[in-house]
């Protein structure tokens, strides 16, 4: 009887493979969360010079923690039946915890450290305190117990870092905690009693590919939200309007570059991959880089819309041009995961952006933003020319 109840919790082969309203409801929190991260990063790059790198590093840790929550939750809803009350409880509980974390983002390394870390730990521990008993008697219980063990281990540096009075020590402990959580996900949470559970992780290609595309759209939505709010406070002709227009064009180019072939074929690539789980993990890393790049781009355009002319600070260049470089790096890795190769246009574009960065300090911020848009437009045009007159390329993920 217990085994049958546990089996009912798992996603069934005949169930719809599309994302559900529960997934879309869950995503709402991450529009807010990414906006809070971009606002924190904006404060970082406009702070005192000696503290910029330290503060940016802290913001990266905060962003990674939020992204880990999203991707692990996507895996949970890929494995388990989203119509089951237990799964819905886990997702809604995760949603509330992520909302608490997002609210704590500005002071995550300060007064709200315990709230941020406590919510993160509660999400991961609480998820499996629900799933492990519910899966009693089923072999999937071992998988859930193994994940619980990994997050229980990482909970120690998370909570210790939050309670430790010294900020440098907090950063070290939280970096260790993030490393444990990322390693667990990339290795599929191996445990001493069952080893690496590769065969225990089925993948629904249509569902996961759709969820990854949806999360990319969430990131673009955050970019549009930041640009729109910033421009609404100015709403002037001239440089402010031009910067707002460039921000929109850049957003459209990011979408086009993402979706062209690799984004469209992720589902087919997962289905064709000899080891779907490996491709899914590569796609996670690729999307981590791309979403981080878009968050940086959003900060860059907030600065450019506010200050289109005048002096361009070196830290500003890091987000205005570094954001697109980070996006292209993730997009190149994504392309490799789907086709086992990387288009030269992505590498050339990243090198051009990096190579022109030193000269941008002599130009106004709007010129740097236009440079990034021109490079992205060149990559999108190259994609179109390369595909013109040729049959669609099938996915060929690396073996």
Protein backbone atom coordinates (compact mmCIF):
# COMPACT_ATOMS: atom_id res chain seq x y z
CA UNK A 1 0.00 0.00 0.00
CA UNK A 2 2.81 2.43 0.90
CA UNK A 3 4.57 1.61 -2.37
CA UNK A 4 1.43 2.38 -4.40
CA UNK A 5 0.97 5.70 -2.62
CA UNK A 6 4.60 6.58 -3.34
CA UNK A 7 4.25 5.56 -7.00
CA UNK A 8 1.24 7.86 -7.31
CA UNK A 9 3.53 10.76 -6.37
CA UNK A 10 5.77 10.25 -9.41
CA UNK A 11 5.08 11.78 -12.80
CA UNK A 12 3.33 9.26 -15.06
CA UNK A 13 4.43 8.55 -18.66
CA UNK A 14 1.04 9.52 -20.08
CA UNK A 15 0.72 12.82 -18.22
CA UNK A 16 0.91 16.17 -20.07
CA UNK A 17 4.54 17.17 -20.56
CA UNK A 18 3.97 20.90 -20.77
CA UNK A 19 4.56 23.39 -17.97
CA UNK A 20 1.57 23.91 -15.69
CA UNK A 21 -0.07 26.95 -14.12
CA UNK A 22 1.69 25.92 -10.91
CA UNK A 23 5.03 26.43 -12.67
CA UNK A 24 4.01 29.84 -13.99
CA UNK A 25 2.72 30.84 -10.56
CA UNK A 26 6.03 29.81 -9.02
CA UNK A 27 7.96 31.88 -11.59
CA UNK A 28 6.30 35.10 -10.48
CA UNK A 29 8.56 35.28 -7.43
CA UNK A 30 11.66 35.17 -9.59
CA UNK A 31 10.71 38.27 -11.56
CA UNK A 32 10.84 40.10 -8.23
CA UNK A 33 13.94 38.20 -7.09
CA UNK A 34 15.99 39.03 -10.20
CA UNK A 35 14.94 42.67 -9.94
CA UNK A 36 16.18 42.79 -6.34
CA UNK A 37 19.49 41.23 -7.38
CA UNK A 38 19.94 43.76 -10.18
CA UNK A 39 19.26 46.61 -7.75
CA UNK A 40 21.85 45.20 -5.37
CA UNK A 41 24.36 44.93 -8.23
CA UNK A 42 23.60 48.54 -9.20
CA UNK A 43 24.56 49.60 -5.68
CA UNK A 44 27.73 47.52 -5.96
CA UNK A 45 29.02 49.14 -9.15
CA UNK A 46 28.25 52.65 -7.90
CA UNK A 47 29.85 52.13 -4.47
CA UNK A 48 33.33 53.08 -3.29
CA UNK A 49 36.08 51.70 -5.55
CA UNK A 50 37.83 49.60 -2.90
CA UNK A 51 34.69 47.63 -2.16
CA UNK A 52 33.35 46.99 -5.68
CA UNK A 53 34.84 43.53 -6.24
CA UNK A 54 33.91 42.32 -2.77
CA UNK A 55 30.33 43.54 -3.07
CA UNK A 56 29.90 42.11 -6.58
CA UNK A 57 31.16 38.77 -5.29
CA UNK A 58 28.51 38.83 -2.56
CA UNK A 59 25.80 39.62 -5.11
CA UNK A 60 26.95 36.70 -7.28
CA UNK A 61 26.54 34.36 -4.29
CA UNK A 62 23.05 35.70 -3.65
CA UNK A 63 22.10 35.22 -7.31
CA UNK A 64 23.49 31.68 -7.41
CA UNK A 65 21.49 30.73 -4.32
CA UNK A 66 18.27 31.92 -5.96
CA UNK A 67 19.08 30.21 -9.25
CA UNK A 68 19.84 26.91 -7.52
CA UNK A 69 16.40 27.03 -5.93
CA UNK A 70 14.72 27.56 -9.30
CA UNK A 71 16.59 24.78 -11.10
CA UNK A 72 16.19 22.23 -8.29
CA UNK A 73 12.46 23.00 -8.15
CA UNK A 74 12.22 22.49 -11.93
CA UNK A 75 13.81 19.07 -11.44
CA UNK A 76 11.30 18.24 -8.70
CA UNK A 77 8.32 19.12 -10.90
CA UNK A 78 9.93 17.12 -13.72
CA UNK A 79 10.14 14.01 -11.52
CA UNK A 80 6.90 14.26 -9.53
CA UNK A 81 3.25 14.68 -10.43
CA UNK A 82 2.45 18.42 -10.10
CA UNK A 83 -1.23 17.66 -9.51
CA UNK A 84 -0.47 15.87 -6.24
CA UNK A 85 -1.12 17.92 -3.06
CA UNK A 86 2.31 16.98 -1.65
CA UNK A 87 4.11 18.35 -4.71
CA UNK A 88 1.98 21.49 -4.76
CA UNK A 89 2.77 22.01 -1.08
CA UNK A 90 6.49 21.72 -1.83
CA UNK A 91 6.31 24.20 -4.74
CA UNK A 92 4.19 26.78 -2.92
CA UNK A 93 6.39 26.46 0.18
CA UNK A 94 9.45 26.97 -1.99
CA UNK A 95 7.78 29.98 -3.56
CA UNK A 96 7.25 31.60 -0.14
CA UNK A 97 10.81 30.84 0.93
CA UNK A 98 12.19 32.35 -2.29
CA UNK A 99 10.05 35.44 -1.67
CA UNK A 100 11.56 35.79 1.80
CA UNK A 101 15.04 35.44 0.31
CA UNK A 102 14.30 38.02 -2.39
CA UNK A 103 13.06 40.50 0.19
CA UNK A 104 16.30 39.97 2.14
CA UNK A 105 18.61 40.43 -0.88
CA UNK A 106 19.66 44.05 -0.15
CA UNK A 107 20.82 43.11 3.37
CA UNK A 108 21.64 39.45 2.72
CA UNK A 109 25.19 40.00 4.01
CA UNK A 110 24.03 42.33 6.74
CA UNK A 111 21.07 42.50 9.10
CA UNK A 112 19.02 39.94 7.11
CA UNK A 113 21.72 37.29 6.71
CA UNK A 114 19.97 34.77 8.93
CA UNK A 115 16.65 35.36 7.19
CA UNK A 116 18.23 34.80 3.76
CA UNK A 117 20.24 31.71 4.72
CA UNK A 118 17.50 30.32 6.94
CA UNK A 119 14.93 30.53 4.15
CA UNK A 120 17.34 28.87 1.71
CA UNK A 121 18.04 25.98 4.08
CA UNK A 122 14.36 25.65 5.03
CA UNK A 123 13.41 25.35 1.35
CA UNK A 124 15.80 22.49 0.61
CA UNK A 125 15.44 20.63 3.90
CA UNK A 126 11.67 21.12 4.06
CA UNK A 127 11.19 19.89 0.49
CA UNK A 128 12.67 16.51 1.27
CA UNK A 129 11.15 16.24 4.73
CA UNK A 130 7.88 16.14 2.77
CA UNK A 131 9.06 13.89 -0.08
CA UNK A 132 11.09 11.29 1.82
CA UNK A 133 8.20 10.07 4.03
CA UNK A 134 5.75 10.34 1.13
CA UNK A 135 7.97 8.03 -0.96
CA UNK A 136 8.17 5.36 1.75
CA UNK A 137 8.64 1.89 0.32
CA UNK A 138 9.55 3.12 -3.18
CA UNK A 139 13.07 3.09 -4.63
CA UNK A 140 12.71 6.82 -5.38
CA UNK A 141 12.95 7.39 -1.63
CA UNK A 142 16.70 6.69 -1.82
CA UNK A 143 17.07 9.45 -4.38
CA UNK A 144 15.22 11.98 -2.26
CA UNK A 145 17.12 10.93 0.87
CA UNK A 146 20.42 11.39 -0.96
CA UNK A 147 19.49 14.94 -1.98
CA UNK A 148 18.42 15.65 1.61
CA UNK A 149 21.83 14.52 2.86
CA UNK A 150 23.69 16.91 0.53
CA UNK A 151 21.55 19.88 1.51
CA UNK A 152 21.88 18.97 5.19
CA UNK A 153 25.67 19.13 4.79
CA UNK A 154 25.57 22.51 3.03
CA UNK A 155 23.15 23.82 5.68
CA UNK A 156 26.00 23.88 8.19
CA UNK A 157 28.11 26.58 6.45
CA UNK A 158 24.92 28.44 5.43
CA UNK A 159 23.70 28.83 8.99
CA UNK A 160 27.18 29.20 10.48
CA UNK A 161 27.95 31.97 8.01
CA UNK A 162 24.70 33.77 8.80
CA UNK A 163 25.37 33.71 12.53
CA UNK A 164 29.07 34.54 12.31
CA UNK A 165 29.64 38.25 13.07
CA UNK A 166 32.49 38.74 10.60
CA UNK A 167 31.43 39.50 7.02
CA UNK A 168 34.61 38.07 5.37
CA UNK A 169 34.09 34.77 7.17
CA UNK A 170 30.44 34.79 6.13
CA UNK A 171 31.47 35.13 2.50
CA UNK A 172 33.91 32.22 2.76
CA UNK A 173 31.38 29.94 4.45
CA UNK A 174 28.62 30.81 1.98
CA UNK A 175 30.97 30.25 -0.94
CA UNK A 176 31.69 26.79 0.47
CA UNK A 177 27.96 26.14 0.85
CA UNK A 178 27.23 27.20 -2.76
CA UNK A 179 30.09 25.00 -3.98
CA UNK A 180 28.62 21.99 -2.13
CA UNK A 181 25.16 22.61 -3.59
CA UNK A 182 26.43 23.08 -7.15
CA UNK A 183 28.66 20.01 -6.88
CA UNK A 184 25.75 17.96 -5.62
CA UNK A 185 23.56 19.00 -8.54
CA UNK A 186 26.26 18.39 -11.15
CA UNK A 187 27.10 14.95 -9.69
CA UNK A 188 23.43 14.03 -9.17
CA UNK A 189 23.81 13.97 -5.39
CA UNK A 190 25.78 10.72 -4.90
CA UNK A 191 25.45 9.15 -1.46
CA UNK A 192 27.49 6.46 0.32
CA UNK A 193 24.67 3.91 0.41
CA UNK A 194 23.54 4.10 -3.24
CA UNK A 195 26.41 5.76 -5.14
CA UNK A 196 25.69 7.98 -8.11
CA UNK A 197 22.03 7.66 -9.08
CA UNK A 198 22.24 8.37 -12.81
CA UNK A 199 19.63 5.77 -13.71
CA UNK A 200 17.29 7.10 -11.02
CA UNK A 201 16.88 10.51 -12.71
CA UNK A 202 14.43 10.23 -15.62
CA UNK A 203 14.11 13.35 -17.77
CA UNK A 204 10.96 14.63 -19.48
CA UNK A 205 12.54 16.43 -22.44
CA UNK A 206 9.54 18.53 -23.45
CA UNK A 207 8.88 19.71 -19.91
CA UNK A 208 12.43 20.66 -18.92
CA UNK A 209 13.21 22.37 -22.23
CA UNK A 210 10.05 24.47 -21.88
CA UNK A 211 10.88 25.37 -18.29
CA UNK A 212 14.39 26.49 -19.22
CA UNK A 213 13.04 28.67 -22.02
CA UNK A 214 10.49 30.14 -19.63
CA UNK A 215 13.19 31.01 -17.13
CA UNK A 216 15.18 32.75 -19.85
CA UNK A 217 12.07 34.78 -20.68
CA UNK A 218 11.73 35.68 -16.99
CA UNK A 219 15.26 37.10 -17.12
CA UNK A 220 14.42 39.12 -20.23
CA UNK A 221 11.26 40.32 -18.48
CA UNK A 222 13.41 41.60 -15.62
CA UNK A 223 15.55 43.51 -18.15
CA UNK A 224 12.43 45.10 -19.69
CA UNK A 225 11.05 45.91 -16.24
CA UNK A 226 14.24 47.66 -15.12
CA UNK A 227 14.60 49.61 -18.37
CA UNK A 228 10.93 50.62 -18.35
CA UNK A 229 10.90 51.77 -14.74
CA UNK A 230 14.14 53.70 -15.18
CA UNK A 231 12.96 55.47 -18.34
CA UNK A 232 9.53 56.25 -16.87
CA UNK A 233 11.33 58.36 -14.28
CA UNK A 234 13.05 60.35 -17.02
CA UNK A 235 10.73 60.19 -20.04
CA UNK A 236 12.75 62.79 -21.93
CA UNK A 237 13.81 63.00 -25.54
CA UNK A 238 17.45 62.86 -26.54
CA UNK A 239 19.95 60.60 -24.83
CA UNK A 240 17.53 59.08 -22.31
CA UNK A 241 15.10 58.04 -25.06
CA UNK A 242 17.94 56.75 -27.24
CA UNK A 243 19.27 54.63 -24.38
CA UNK A 244 15.78 53.24 -23.74
CA UNK A 245 15.48 52.32 -27.42
CA UNK A 246 18.88 50.62 -27.42
CA UNK A 247 17.85 48.66 -24.31
CA UNK A 248 14.79 47.33 -26.12
CA UNK A 249 16.76 46.44 -29.25
CA UNK A 250 19.33 44.63 -27.10
CA UNK A 251 16.57 42.67 -25.37
CA UNK A 252 15.17 41.56 -28.73
CA UNK A 253 18.64 40.55 -29.92
CA UNK A 254 19.29 38.50 -26.77
CA UNK A 255 16.03 36.64 -27.36
CA UNK A 256 16.87 36.06 -31.03
CA UNK A 257 20.38 34.78 -30.34
CA UNK A 258 19.12 32.49 -27.58
CA UNK A 259 16.25 30.94 -29.49
CA UNK A 260 18.03 30.51 -32.83
CA UNK A 261 18.34 26.75 -33.33
CA UNK A 262 19.79 25.74 -29.95
CA UNK A 263 16.92 27.25 -27.97
CA UNK A 264 14.40 25.80 -30.39
CA UNK A 265 15.97 22.34 -30.40
CA UNK A 266 16.70 21.79 -26.72
CA UNK A 267 13.80 19.35 -26.40
CA UNK A 268 15.00 17.29 -29.39
CA UNK A 269 18.57 17.41 -28.11
CA UNK A 270 17.57 16.05 -24.70
CA UNK A 271 15.55 13.29 -26.35
CA UNK A 272 18.45 12.39 -28.67
CA UNK A 273 21.21 12.58 -26.07
CA UNK A 274 22.79 9.26 -25.06
CA UNK A 275 22.84 10.61 -21.49
CA UNK A 276 19.97 13.12 -21.15
CA UNK A 277 20.88 13.92 -17.56
CA UNK A 278 24.32 15.11 -18.61
CA UNK A 279 22.87 17.45 -21.23
CA UNK A 280 20.37 18.80 -18.71
CA UNK A 281 23.20 19.61 -16.30
CA UNK A 282 25.16 21.34 -19.05
CA UNK A 283 22.06 23.33 -19.89
CA UNK A 284 21.78 24.37 -16.24
CA UNK A 285 25.32 25.81 -16.26
CA UNK A 286 24.68 27.53 -19.57
CA UNK A 287 21.50 29.15 -18.28
CA UNK A 288 23.21 30.20 -15.04
CA UNK A 289 25.75 32.13 -17.12
CA UNK A 290 23.16 33.60 -19.49
CA UNK A 291 20.81 34.74 -16.73
CA UNK A 292 23.71 36.26 -14.77
CA UNK A 293 24.72 38.10 -17.94
CA UNK A 294 21.20 39.46 -18.41
CA UNK A 295 21.08 40.69 -14.81
CA UNK A 296 24.33 42.57 -15.46
CA UNK A 297 22.93 43.96 -18.73
CA UNK A 298 19.85 45.23 -16.87
CA UNK A 299 22.08 47.11 -14.44
CA UNK A 300 24.09 48.50 -17.34
CA UNK A 301 21.00 49.89 -19.05
CA UNK A 302 19.70 51.39 -15.85
CA UNK A 303 22.97 53.32 -15.65
CA UNK A 304 22.92 54.26 -19.34
CA UNK A 305 19.29 55.46 -19.28
CA UNK A 306 20.01 57.55 -16.18
CA UNK A 307 23.35 58.89 -17.49
CA UNK A 308 23.58 58.54 -21.29
CA UNK A 309 26.33 61.12 -21.61
CA UNK A 310 29.37 62.15 -19.60
CA UNK A 311 32.08 60.04 -18.02
CA UNK A 312 31.89 56.25 -18.22
CA UNK A 313 33.13 54.65 -15.03
CA UNK A 314 35.24 51.51 -15.42
CA UNK A 315 32.84 49.57 -13.18
CA UNK A 316 29.98 50.61 -15.46
CA UNK A 317 31.81 49.15 -18.46
CA UNK A 318 31.99 45.83 -16.64
CA UNK A 319 28.19 45.54 -16.65
CA UNK A 320 27.44 47.31 -19.96
CA UNK A 321 29.90 45.17 -21.95
CA UNK A 322 30.70 42.41 -19.46
CA UNK A 323 27.04 41.41 -19.25
CA UNK A 324 26.84 40.60 -22.99
CA UNK A 325 30.18 38.74 -22.76
CA UNK A 326 28.82 36.60 -19.94
CA UNK A 327 25.64 35.96 -21.93
CA UNK A 328 27.64 34.93 -25.01
CA UNK A 329 29.79 32.59 -22.91
CA UNK A 330 26.69 30.87 -21.60
CA UNK A 331 25.13 30.80 -25.05
CA UNK A 332 28.28 29.21 -26.50
CA UNK A 333 28.20 26.51 -23.82
CA UNK A 334 24.49 26.00 -24.54
CA UNK A 335 25.24 25.59 -28.24
CA UNK A 336 27.94 23.05 -27.45
CA UNK A 337 25.47 21.07 -25.31
CA UNK A 338 23.03 20.87 -28.24
CA UNK A 339 25.34 20.64 -31.27
CA UNK A 340 28.76 19.64 -29.87
CA UNK A 341 30.28 22.73 -31.49
CA UNK A 342 30.38 26.51 -31.03
CA UNK A 343 29.76 29.13 -33.73
CA UNK A 344 32.70 31.43 -34.31
CA UNK A 345 30.42 34.47 -34.22
CA UNK A 346 29.85 34.02 -30.48
CA UNK A 347 33.57 33.81 -29.74
CA UNK A 348 34.39 36.71 -32.04
CA UNK A 349 31.63 38.83 -30.53
CA UNK A 350 32.85 38.18 -26.99
CA UNK A 351 36.44 39.02 -27.99
CA UNK A 352 35.34 42.26 -29.70
CA UNK A 353 33.41 43.35 -26.62
CA UNK A 354 36.33 42.52 -24.32
CA UNK A 355 38.84 44.15 -26.67
CA UNK A 356 36.92 47.42 -27.00
CA UNK A 357 36.27 47.74 -23.27
CA UNK A 358 39.40 49.81 -22.45
CA UNK A 359 38.51 52.39 -25.11
CA UNK A 360 34.98 52.82 -23.77
CA UNK A 361 36.22 54.76 -20.77
CA UNK A 362 36.89 57.62 -23.21
CA UNK A 363 33.31 57.53 -24.56
CA UNK A 364 29.91 58.24 -22.99
CA UNK A 365 27.89 55.32 -21.54
CA UNK A 366 25.45 55.44 -24.46
CA UNK A 367 28.30 54.73 -26.89
CA UNK A 368 29.26 51.61 -24.90
CA UNK A 369 25.64 50.40 -24.95
CA UNK A 370 25.39 50.99 -28.71
CA UNK A 371 28.64 49.06 -29.19
CA UNK A 372 27.20 46.07 -27.36
CA UNK A 373 23.99 46.24 -29.40
CA UNK A 374 25.93 46.42 -32.68
CA UNK A 375 28.00 43.36 -31.77
CA UNK A 376 24.88 41.40 -30.80
CA UNK A 377 23.20 42.49 -34.05
CA UNK A 378 26.22 41.21 -35.97
CA UNK A 379 25.93 37.82 -34.26
CA UNK A 380 22.19 37.59 -35.00
CA UNK A 381 22.83 38.54 -38.64
CA UNK A 382 25.57 35.94 -38.89
CA UNK A 383 23.14 33.31 -37.59
CA UNK A 384 20.61 34.22 -40.26
CA UNK A 385 23.15 34.22 -43.09
CA UNK A 386 24.61 30.90 -41.98
CA UNK A 387 21.17 29.28 -41.90
CA UNK A 388 19.89 30.80 -45.15
CA UNK A 389 19.42 28.25 -47.92
CA UNK A 390 20.45 25.33 -45.74
CA UNK A 391 18.30 22.55 -44.29
CA UNK A 392 17.67 22.86 -40.53
CA UNK A 393 20.55 21.40 -38.57
CA UNK A 394 19.51 18.49 -36.33
CA UNK A 395 20.76 18.39 -32.73
CA UNK A 396 23.87 16.34 -32.16
CA UNK A 397 24.74 16.54 -28.43
CA UNK A 398 28.24 15.41 -27.43
CA UNK A 399 28.62 11.84 -26.29
